[in-house]
PDB file of all heavy atoms in Angstrom:
ATOM      1  N   SER A   1      68.538 105.680  68.060  1.00  0.00           N
ATOM      2  CA  SER A   1      69.170 104.780  69.018  1.00  0.00           C
ATOM      3  C   SER A   1      70.675 104.652  68.664  1.00  0.00           C
ATOM      4  O   SER A   1      71.114 105.006  67.565  1.00  0.00           O
ATOM      5  CB  SER A   1      68.556 103.384  69.007  1.00  0.00           C
ATOM      6  OG  SER A   1      68.660 102.791  67.706  1.00  0.00           O
ATOM      7  N   LEU A   2      71.401 104.098  69.636  1.00  0.00           N
ATOM      8  CA  LEU A   2      72.832 103.876  69.522  1.00  0.00           C
ATOM      9  C   LEU A   2      73.086 102.400  69.796  1.00  0.00           C
ATOM     10  O   LEU A   2      72.422 101.846  70.666  1.00  0.00           O
ATOM     11  CB  LEU A   2      73.558 104.728  70.571  1.00  0.00           C
ATOM     12  CG  LEU A   2      75.097 104.554  70.685  1.00  0.00           C
ATOM     13  CD1 LEU A   2      75.800 105.200  69.527  1.00  0.00           C
ATOM     14  CD2 LEU A   2      75.565 105.116  72.029  1.00  0.00           C
ATOM     15  N   SER A   3      74.004 101.812  69.063  1.00  0.00           N
ATOM     16  CA  SER A   3      74.366 100.395  69.240  1.00  0.00           C
ATOM     17  C   SER A   3      75.832 100.188  69.425  1.00  0.00           C
ATOM     18  O   SER A   3      76.614 101.040  69.026  1.00  0.00           O
ATOM     19  CB  SER A   3      73.854  99.565  68.058  1.00  0.00           C
ATOM     20  OG  SER A   3      72.458  99.567  67.930  1.00  0.00           O
ATOM     21  N   LEU A   4      76.150  99.086  70.056  1.00  0.00           N
ATOM     22  CA  LEU A   4      77.547  98.630  70.186  1.00  0.00           C
ATOM     23  C   LEU A   4      77.604  97.162  69.864  1.00  0.00           C
ATOM     24  O   LEU A   4      77.112  96.377  70.670  1.00  0.00           O
ATOM     25  CB  LEU A   4      78.099  98.929  71.589  1.00  0.00           C
ATOM     26  CG  LEU A   4      79.581  98.586  71.780  1.00  0.00           C
ATOM     27  CD1 LEU A   4      80.427  99.563  70.962  1.00  0.00           C
ATOM     28  CD2 LEU A   4      79.975  98.655  73.245  1.00  0.00           C
ATOM     29  N   GLN A   5      78.112  96.783  68.708  1.00  0.00           N
ATOM     30  CA  GLN A   5      78.344  95.425  68.354  1.00  0.00           C
ATOM     31  C   GLN A   5      79.670  94.987  68.930  1.00  0.00           C
ATOM     32  O   GLN A   5      80.714  95.560  68.610  1.00  0.00           O
ATOM     33  CB  GLN A   5      78.289  95.238  66.847  1.00  0.00           C
ATOM     34  CG  GLN A   5      78.547  93.842  66.390  1.00  0.00           C
ATOM     35  CD  GLN A   5      77.422  92.867  66.778  1.00  0.00           C
ATOM     36  OE1 GLN A   5      76.261  93.188  66.702  1.00  0.00           O
ATOM     37  NE2 GLN A   5      77.820  91.721  67.337  1.00  0.00           N
ATOM     38  N   MET A   6      79.632  93.984  69.763  1.00  0.00           N
ATOM     39  CA  MET A   6      80.781  93.505  70.493  1.00  0.00           C
ATOM     40  C   MET A   6      81.140  92.091  70.034  1.00  0.00           C
ATOM     41  O   MET A   6      80.366  91.140  70.298  1.00  0.00           O
ATOM     42  CB  MET A   6      80.555  93.506  72.024  1.00  0.00           C
ATOM     43  CG  MET A   6      80.051  94.883  72.484  1.00  0.00           C
ATOM     44  SD  MET A   6      79.313  94.753  74.165  1.00  0.00           S
ATOM     45  CE  MET A   6      80.804  94.472  75.134  1.00  0.00           C
ATOM     46  N   ASN A   7      82.253  91.947  69.387  1.00  0.00           N
ATOM     47  CA  ASN A   7      82.694  90.625  68.906  1.00  0.00           C
ATOM     48  C   ASN A   7      83.978  90.213  69.574  1.00  0.00           C
ATOM     49  O   ASN A   7      84.707  91.067  70.143  1.00  0.00           O
ATOM     50  CB  ASN A   7      82.915  90.644  67.381  1.00  0.00           C
ATOM     51  CG  ASN A   7      81.647  90.961  66.629  1.00  0.00           C
ATOM     52  OD1 ASN A   7      80.568  90.535  67.013  1.00  0.00           O
ATOM     53  ND2 ASN A   7      81.813  91.624  65.477  1.00  0.00           N
ATOM     54  N   SER A   8      84.323  88.943  69.509  1.00  0.00           N
ATOM     55  CA  SER A   8      85.577  88.428  70.082  1.00  0.00           C
ATOM     56  C   SER A   8      85.724  88.887  71.537  1.00  0.00           C
ATOM     57  O   SER A   8      86.744  89.362  72.005  1.00  0.00           O
ATOM     58  CB  SER A   8      86.762  88.872  69.280  1.00  0.00           C
ATOM     59  OG  SER A   8      86.697  88.417  67.925  1.00  0.00           O
ATOM     60  N   LEU A   9      84.660  88.738  72.284  1.00  0.00           N
ATOM     61  CA  LEU A   9      84.636  89.181  73.694  1.00  0.00           C
ATOM     62  C   LEU A   9      85.641  88.456  74.541  1.00  0.00           C
ATOM     63  O   LEU A   9      85.881  87.276  74.336  1.00  0.00           O
ATOM     64  CB  LEU A   9      83.251  89.111  74.225  1.00  0.00           C
ATOM     65  CG  LEU A   9      82.275  90.171  73.782  1.00  0.00           C
ATOM     66  CD1 LEU A   9      80.848  89.744  74.021  1.00  0.00           C
ATOM     67  CD2 LEU A   9      82.553  91.486  74.474  1.00  0.00           C
ATOM     68  N   GLU A  10      86.239  89.190  75.440  1.00  0.00           N
ATOM     69  CA  GLU A  10      87.220  88.671  76.369  1.00  0.00           C
ATOM     70  C   GLU A  10      86.721  88.912  77.806  1.00  0.00           C
ATOM     71  O   GLU A  10      85.954  89.780  78.095  1.00  0.00           O
ATOM     72  CB  GLU A  10      88.585  89.427  76.152  1.00  0.00           C
ATOM     73  CG  GLU A  10      89.059  89.355  74.776  1.00  0.00           C
ATOM     74  CD  GLU A  10      90.207  90.314  74.478  1.00  0.00           C
ATOM     75  OE1 GLU A  10      90.533  91.129  75.377  1.00  0.00           O
ATOM     76  OE2 GLU A  10      90.784  90.237  73.396  1.00  0.00           O
ATOM     77  N   PRO A  11      87.225  88.107  78.762  1.00  0.00           N
ATOM     78  CA  PRO A  11      86.849  88.313  80.148  1.00  0.00           C
ATOM     79  C   PRO A  11      87.123  89.747  80.618  1.00  0.00           C
ATOM     80  O   PRO A  11      86.360  90.262  81.514  1.00  0.00           O
ATOM     81  CB  PRO A  11      87.699  87.311  80.909  1.00  0.00           C
ATOM     82  CG  PRO A  11      87.895  86.209  79.919  1.00  0.00           C
ATOM     83  CD  PRO A  11      88.038  86.877  78.618  1.00  0.00           C
ATOM     84  N   GLU A  12      88.138  90.382  80.063  1.00  0.00           N
ATOM     85  CA  GLU A  12      88.451  91.742  80.472  1.00  0.00           C
ATOM     86  C   GLU A  12      87.409  92.758  80.039  1.00  0.00           C
ATOM     87  O   GLU A  12      87.451  93.903  80.471  1.00  0.00           O
ATOM     88  CB  GLU A  12      89.813  92.149  79.866  1.00  0.00           C
ATOM     89  CG  GLU A  12      90.989  91.405  80.434  1.00  0.00           C
ATOM     90  CD  GLU A  12      91.165  89.953  79.949  1.00  0.00           C
ATOM     91  OE1 GLU A  12      90.484  89.636  78.924  1.00  0.00           O
ATOM     92  OE2 GLU A  12      91.890  89.201  80.595  1.00  0.00           O
ATOM     93  N   ASP A  13      86.483  92.335  79.185  1.00  0.00           N
ATOM     94  CA  ASP A  13      85.367  93.207  78.793  1.00  0.00           C
ATOM     95  C   ASP A  13      84.239  93.203  79.784  1.00  0.00           C
ATOM     96  O   ASP A  13      83.302  93.982  79.608  1.00  0.00           O
ATOM     97  CB  ASP A  13      84.837  92.784  77.412  1.00  0.00           C
ATOM     98  CG  ASP A  13      85.867  92.927  76.311  1.00  0.00           C
ATOM     99  OD1 ASP A  13      86.574  93.963  76.248  1.00  0.00           O
ATOM    100  OD2 ASP A  13      85.975  91.986  75.461  1.00  0.00           O
ATOM    101  N   THR A  14      84.312  92.392  80.788  1.00  0.00           N
ATOM    102  CA  THR A  14      83.267  92.311  81.774  1.00  0.00           C
ATOM    103  C   THR A  14      83.143  93.636  82.533  1.00  0.00           C
ATOM    104  O   THR A  14      84.131  94.102  83.093  1.00  0.00           O
ATOM    105  CB  THR A  14      83.502  91.205  82.760  1.00  0.00           C
ATOM    106  OG1 THR A  14      83.469  89.940  82.083  1.00  0.00           O
ATOM    107  CG2 THR A  14      82.505  91.185  83.860  1.00  0.00           C
ATOM    108  N   ALA A  15      81.977  94.242  82.482  1.00  0.00           N
ATOM    109  CA  ALA A  15      81.776  95.540  83.141  1.00  0.00           C
ATOM    110  C   ALA A  15      80.306  95.913  83.029  1.00  0.00           C
ATOM    111  O   ALA A  15      79.514  95.325  82.326  1.00  0.00           O
ATOM    112  CB  ALA A  15      82.681  96.598  82.489  1.00  0.00           C
ATOM    113  N   LEU A  16      79.956  97.009  83.742  1.00  0.00           N
ATOM    114  CA  LEU A  16      78.684  97.617  83.581  1.00  0.00           C
ATOM    115  C   LEU A  16      78.866  98.653  82.418  1.00  0.00           C
ATOM    116  O   LEU A  16      79.713  99.533  82.557  1.00  0.00           O
ATOM    117  CB  LEU A  16      78.230  98.289  84.821  1.00  0.00           C
ATOM    118  CG  LEU A  16      76.797  98.887  84.861  1.00  0.00           C
ATOM    119  CD1 LEU A  16      75.788  97.781  84.712  1.00  0.00           C
ATOM    120  CD2 LEU A  16      76.552  99.611  86.179  1.00  0.00           C
ATOM    121  N   TYR A  17      78.076  98.543  81.406  1.00  0.00           N
ATOM    122  CA  TYR A  17      78.218  99.408  80.247  1.00  0.00           C
ATOM    123  C   TYR A  17      77.174 100.514  80.223  1.00  0.00           C
ATOM    124  O   TYR A  17      75.950 100.208  80.417  1.00  0.00           O
ATOM    125  CB  TYR A  17      78.135  98.599  78.940  1.00  0.00           C
ATOM    126  CG  TYR A  17      79.342  97.810  78.628  1.00  0.00           C
ATOM    127  CD1 TYR A  17      79.767  96.731  79.393  1.00  0.00           C
ATOM    128  CD2 TYR A  17      80.165  98.200  77.542  1.00  0.00           C
ATOM    129  CE1 TYR A  17      80.912  96.034  79.093  1.00  0.00           C
ATOM    130  CE2 TYR A  17      81.300  97.472  77.215  1.00  0.00           C
ATOM    131  CZ  TYR A  17      81.673  96.425  78.027  1.00  0.00           C
ATOM    132  OH  TYR A  17      82.836  95.760  77.707  1.00  0.00           O
ATOM    133  N   TYR A  18      77.587 101.758  80.053  1.00  0.00           N
ATOM    134  CA  TYR A  18      76.748 102.876  80.110  1.00  0.00           C
ATOM    135  C   TYR A  18      76.707 103.509  78.735  1.00  0.00           C
ATOM    136  O   TYR A  18      77.718 103.689  78.053  1.00  0.00           O
ATOM    137  CB  TYR A  18      77.208 103.930  81.095  1.00  0.00           C
ATOM    138  CG  TYR A  18      77.275 103.493  82.514  1.00  0.00           C
ATOM    139  CD1 TYR A  18      78.399 102.954  83.072  1.00  0.00           C
ATOM    140  CD2 TYR A  18      76.150 103.666  83.300  1.00  0.00           C
ATOM    141  CE1 TYR A  18      78.421 102.567  84.409  1.00  0.00           C
ATOM    142  CE2 TYR A  18      76.113 103.324  84.641  1.00  0.00           C
ATOM    143  CZ  TYR A  18      77.296 102.734  85.194  1.00  0.00           C
ATOM    144  OH  TYR A  18      77.319 102.374  86.472  1.00  0.00           O
ATOM    145  N   CYS A  19      75.532 104.000  78.372  1.00  0.00           N
ATOM    146  CA  CYS A  19      75.324 104.836  77.222  1.00  0.00           C
ATOM    147  C   CYS A  19      75.358 106.284  77.717  1.00  0.00           C
ATOM    148  O   CYS A  19      74.828 106.617  78.748  1.00  0.00           O
ATOM    149  CB  CYS A  19      73.995 104.523  76.542  1.00  0.00           C
ATOM    150  SG  CYS A  19      73.517 105.565  75.201  1.00  0.00           S
ATOM    151  N   ALA A  20      75.988 107.170  76.909  1.00  0.00           N
ATOM    152  CA  ALA A  20      76.146 108.567  77.314  1.00  0.00           C
ATOM    153  C   ALA A  20      76.021 109.473  76.071  1.00  0.00           C
ATOM    154  O   ALA A  20      76.270 109.074  74.972  1.00  0.00           O
ATOM    155  CB  ALA A  20      77.437 108.789  78.015  1.00  0.00           C
ATOM    156  N   ALA A  21      75.644 110.704  76.344  1.00  0.00           N
ATOM    157  CA  ALA A  21      75.499 111.736  75.372  1.00  0.00           C
ATOM    158  C   ALA A  21      76.163 113.021  75.783  1.00  0.00           C
ATOM    159  O   ALA A  21      76.146 113.379  76.930  1.00  0.00           O
ATOM    160  CB  ALA A  21      74.021 112.053  75.068  1.00  0.00           C
ATOM    161  N   ARG A  22      76.869 113.665  74.865  1.00  0.00           N
ATOM    162  CA  ARG A  22      77.548 114.945  75.114  1.00  0.00           C
ATOM    163  C   ARG A  22      76.957 116.022  74.181  1.00  0.00           C
ATOM    164  O   ARG A  22      76.719 115.737  73.019  1.00  0.00           O
ATOM    165  CB  ARG A  22      79.010 114.818  74.882  1.00  0.00           C
ATOM    166  CG  ARG A  22      79.788 116.040  75.285  1.00  0.00           C
ATOM    167  CD  ARG A  22      81.248 115.965  74.898  1.00  0.00           C
ATOM    168  NE  ARG A  22      81.954 117.118  75.459  1.00  0.00           N
ATOM    169  CZ  ARG A  22      83.039 117.694  74.940  1.00  0.00           C
ATOM    170  NH1 ARG A  22      83.554 117.179  73.803  1.00  0.00           N
ATOM    171  NH2 ARG A  22      83.602 118.740  75.499  1.00  0.00           N
ATOM    172  N   ARG A  23      76.790 117.184  74.712  1.00  0.00           N
ATOM    173  CA  ARG A  23      76.276 118.293  73.955  1.00  0.00           C
ATOM    174  C   ARG A  23      77.338 118.863  73.034  1.00  0.00           C
ATOM    175  O   ARG A  23      77.923 119.922  73.261  1.00  0.00           O
ATOM    176  CB  ARG A  23      75.710 119.391  74.836  1.00  0.00           C
ATOM    177  CG  ARG A  23      74.465 118.998  75.709  1.00  0.00           C
ATOM    178  CD  ARG A  23      73.821 120.215  76.330  1.00  0.00           C
ATOM    179  NE  ARG A  23      74.718 120.840  77.305  1.00  0.00           N
ATOM    180  CZ  ARG A  23      74.672 120.583  78.613  1.00  0.00           C
ATOM    181  NH1 ARG A  23      73.838 119.724  79.129  1.00  0.00           N
ATOM    182  NH2 ARG A  23      75.531 121.188  79.430  1.00  0.00           N
ATOM    183  N   ALA A  24      77.625 118.082  72.002  1.00  0.00           N
ATOM    184  CA  ALA A  24      78.580 118.433  70.947  1.00  0.00           C
ATOM    185  C   ALA A  24      78.216 117.541  69.768  1.00  0.00           C
ATOM    186  O   ALA A  24      77.464 116.559  69.897  1.00  0.00           O
ATOM    187  CB  ALA A  24      79.986 118.146  71.429  1.00  0.00           C
ATOM    188  N   ARG A  25      78.764 117.899  68.604  1.00  0.00           N
ATOM    189  CA  ARG A  25      78.318 117.156  67.404  1.00  0.00           C
ATOM    190  C   ARG A  25      79.481 116.726  66.471  1.00  0.00           C
ATOM    191  O   ARG A  25      79.226 115.853  65.597  1.00  0.00           O
ATOM    192  CB  ARG A  25      77.360 118.057  66.602  1.00  0.00           C
ATOM    193  CG  ARG A  25      76.165 118.489  67.406  1.00  0.00           C
ATOM    194  CD  ARG A  25      75.266 119.435  66.657  1.00  0.00           C
ATOM    195  NE  ARG A  25      74.662 118.817  65.447  1.00  0.00           N
ATOM    196  CZ  ARG A  25      73.657 119.310  64.835  1.00  0.00           C
ATOM    197  NH1 ARG A  25      73.114 120.481  65.212  1.00  0.00           N
ATOM    198  NH2 ARG A  25      73.158 118.692  63.773  1.00  0.00           N
ATOM    199  N   ASN A  26      80.638 117.277  66.614  1.00  0.00           N
ATOM    200  CA  ASN A  26      81.764 117.001  65.737  1.00  0.00           C
ATOM    201  C   ASN A  26      82.725 116.001  66.294  1.00  0.00           C
ATOM    202  O   ASN A  26      82.919 115.946  67.509  1.00  0.00           O
ATOM    203  CB  ASN A  26      82.460 118.266  65.369  1.00  0.00           C
ATOM    204  CG  ASN A  26      81.525 119.341  64.781  1.00  0.00           C
ATOM    205  OD1 ASN A  26      81.362 120.420  65.369  1.00  0.00           O
ATOM    206  ND2 ASN A  26      80.905 119.004  63.651  1.00  0.00           N
ATOM    207  N   TRP A  27      83.343 115.244  65.456  1.00  0.00           N
ATOM    208  CA  TRP A  27      84.119 114.038  65.856  1.00  0.00           C
ATOM    209  C   TRP A  27      85.237 114.439  66.853  1.00  0.00           C
ATOM    210  O   TRP A  27      85.519 113.687  67.784  1.00  0.00           O
ATOM    211  CB  TRP A  27      84.684 113.322  64.660  1.00  0.00           C
ATOM    212  CG  TRP A  27      85.819 113.967  63.974  1.00  0.00           C
ATOM    213  CD1 TRP A  27      85.685 114.763  62.867  1.00  0.00           C
ATOM    214  CD2 TRP A  27      87.212 113.857  64.291  1.00  0.00           C
ATOM    215  NE1 TRP A  27      86.947 115.214  62.480  1.00  0.00           N
ATOM    216  CE2 TRP A  27      87.895 114.658  63.363  1.00  0.00           C
ATOM    217  CE3 TRP A  27      87.957 113.218  65.274  1.00  0.00           C
ATOM    218  CZ2 TRP A  27      89.260 114.835  63.352  1.00  0.00           C
ATOM    219  CZ3 TRP A  27      89.301 113.371  65.270  1.00  0.00           C
ATOM    220  CH2 TRP A  27      89.927 114.130  64.341  1.00  0.00           C
ATOM    221  N   TRP A  28      85.887 115.594  66.667  1.00  0.00           N
ATOM    222  CA  TRP A  28      86.972 116.009  67.524  1.00  0.00           C
ATOM    223  C   TRP A  28      86.496 116.326  68.961  1.00  0.00           C
ATOM    224  O   TRP A  28      87.291 116.427  69.854  1.00  0.00           O
ATOM    225  CB  TRP A  28      87.763 117.141  66.941  1.00  0.00           C
ATOM    226  CG  TRP A  28      86.994 118.430  66.774  1.00  0.00           C
ATOM    227  CD1 TRP A  28      86.813 119.419  67.664  1.00  0.00           C
ATOM    228  CD2 TRP A  28      86.293 118.820  65.550  1.00  0.00           C
ATOM    229  NE1 TRP A  28      86.074 120.422  67.131  1.00  0.00           N
ATOM    230  CE2 TRP A  28      85.700 120.086  65.838  1.00  0.00           C
ATOM    231  CE3 TRP A  28      86.132 118.255  64.317  1.00  0.00           C
ATOM    232  CZ2 TRP A  28      84.967 120.726  64.887  1.00  0.00           C
ATOM    233  CZ3 TRP A  28      85.374 118.897  63.349  1.00  0.00           C
ATOM    234  CH2 TRP A  28      84.800 120.156  63.634  1.00  0.00           C
ATOM    235  N   GLN A  29      85.179 116.530  69.119  1.00  0.00           N
ATOM    236  CA  GLN A  29      84.618 116.766  70.387  1.00  0.00           C
ATOM    237  C   GLN A  29      84.089 115.496  71.040  1.00  0.00           C
ATOM    238  O   GLN A  29      83.620 115.534  72.216  1.00  0.00           O
ATOM    239  CB  GLN A  29      83.464 117.778  70.226  1.00  0.00           C
ATOM    240  CG  GLN A  29      83.845 119.161  69.725  1.00  0.00           C
ATOM    241  CD  GLN A  29      82.668 120.037  69.457  1.00  0.00           C
ATOM    242  OE1 GLN A  29      81.816 119.738  68.574  1.00  0.00           O
ATOM    243  NE2 GLN A  29      82.552 121.127  70.155  1.00  0.00           N
ATOM    244  N   CYS A  30      84.088 114.379  70.287  1.00  0.00           N
ATOM    245  CA  CYS A  30      83.500 113.140  70.729  1.00  0.00           C
ATOM    246  C   CYS A  30      84.550 112.156  71.216  1.00  0.00           C
ATOM    247  O   CYS A  30      84.444 110.957  70.990  1.00  0.00           O
ATOM    248  CB  CYS A  30      82.699 112.535  69.637  1.00  0.00           C
ATOM    249  SG  CYS A  30      81.313 113.631  69.016  1.00  0.00           S
TER     250      CYS A  30
END
């Protein structure tokens, strides 16, 4: 699984949040 801990939330953070995966593995590709 993947998580996103969101602290100090602001009204500007309001949105529909999507989880996504890319067929790559190294940080410069992410």
